[in-house]
Amino acid sequence: MTDEERAKIKAWVENWKVTGELLDQLKWQELQHMDEETSFHIFNNLATEDVKCWSPPDQECGLIQQQALFSKLHALK
């Protein structure tokens, strides 16, 4: 890796440190000013997605697929 590549990577990381802090500030500002109706809709959407992940295994869900993979890998040991 060249010095120029290292410098670019370092600049990229530093940029995301600053960007991450700004995004956190924005997130907290939005949460503080959120009305009840909006918060209900967001919660409802999150809860719906959570229920989908605990559905029967015949339905597609990343969490279920991950657990099945872990189970298969464990059985191979």
Protein backbone atom coordinates (compact mmCIF):
# COMPACT_ATOMS: atom_id res chain seq x y z
CA MET A 1 0.00 0.00 0.00
CA THR A 2 1.40 3.35 -1.00
CA ASP A 3 1.60 6.44 1.19
CA GLU A 4 -1.02 8.07 -1.02
CA GLU A 5 -3.42 5.16 -0.52
CA ARG A 6 -2.86 5.27 3.25
CA ALA A 7 -3.54 9.01 3.26
CA LYS A 8 -6.78 8.50 1.31
CA ILE A 9 -7.94 5.78 3.71
CA LYS A 10 -7.06 7.93 6.72
CA ALA A 11 -8.97 10.89 5.24
CA TRP A 12 -11.96 8.62 4.53
CA VAL A 13 -11.99 7.34 8.14
CA GLU A 14 -11.69 10.87 9.55
CA ASN A 15 -14.50 12.05 7.28
CA TRP A 16 -16.79 9.31 8.59
CA LYS A 17 -15.91 10.11 12.21
CA VAL A 18 -17.14 13.67 11.67
CA THR A 19 -20.08 12.57 9.53
CA GLY A 20 -21.11 9.98 12.13
CA GLU A 21 -21.18 12.60 14.88
CA LEU A 22 -23.27 14.92 12.70
CA LEU A 23 -25.70 12.11 11.86
CA ASP A 24 -26.05 11.28 15.57
CA GLN A 25 -26.87 14.91 16.34
CA LEU A 26 -29.43 14.99 13.54
CA LYS A 27 -31.00 11.74 14.73
CA TRP A 28 -31.43 13.08 18.29
CA GLN A 29 -32.87 16.36 17.01
CA GLU A 30 -35.40 14.46 14.91
CA LEU A 31 -36.32 12.20 17.84
CA GLN A 32 -36.82 15.18 20.16
CA HIS A 33 -39.15 16.88 17.69
CA MET A 34 -41.08 13.81 16.58
CA ASP A 35 -44.83 13.89 17.07
CA GLU A 36 -46.85 11.01 18.51
CA GLU A 37 -48.36 9.91 15.18
CA THR A 38 -44.96 9.67 13.48
CA SER A 39 -43.45 7.76 16.40
CA PHE A 40 -46.39 5.32 16.33
CA HIS A 41 -45.90 4.64 12.61
CA ILE A 42 -42.15 4.10 13.05
CA PHE A 43 -42.71 1.77 16.01
CA ASN A 44 -45.40 -0.13 14.11
CA ASN A 45 -43.09 -0.64 11.12
CA LEU A 46 -40.25 -1.85 13.35
CA ALA A 47 -42.55 -4.20 15.25
CA THR A 48 -43.91 -5.61 12.00
CA GLU A 49 -40.39 -6.32 10.73
CA ASP A 50 -39.49 -7.95 14.06
CA VAL A 51 -42.51 -10.25 13.85
CA LYS A 52 -41.51 -11.28 10.33
CA CYS A 53 -38.13 -12.43 11.64
CA TRP A 54 -39.81 -14.70 14.17
CA SER A 55 -42.17 -16.20 11.60
CA PRO A 56 -42.09 -19.87 10.62
CA PRO A 57 -38.87 -20.90 8.85
CA ASP A 58 -40.65 -21.41 5.53
CA GLN A 59 -40.81 -17.62 5.21
CA GLU A 60 -37.71 -15.69 4.17
CA CYS A 61 -35.95 -13.98 7.05
CA GLY A 62 -32.26 -13.26 7.49
CA LEU A 63 -32.27 -14.10 11.21
CA ILE A 64 -33.89 -17.50 10.66
CA GLN A 65 -31.51 -18.27 7.79
CA GLN A 66 -28.52 -17.24 9.91
CA GLN A 67 -29.59 -19.48 12.79
CA ALA A 68 -30.11 -22.40 10.41
CA LEU A 69 -26.63 -21.88 8.99
CA PHE A 70 -25.09 -21.75 12.48
CA SER A 71 -26.89 -24.97 13.35
CA LYS A 72 -25.56 -26.72 10.22
CA LEU A 73 -22.01 -25.46 10.86
CA HIS A 74 -22.18 -26.63 14.47
CA ALA A 75 -23.31 -30.09 13.31
CA LEU A 76 -20.26 -30.34 11.02
CA LYS A 77 -17.82 -30.05 13.94
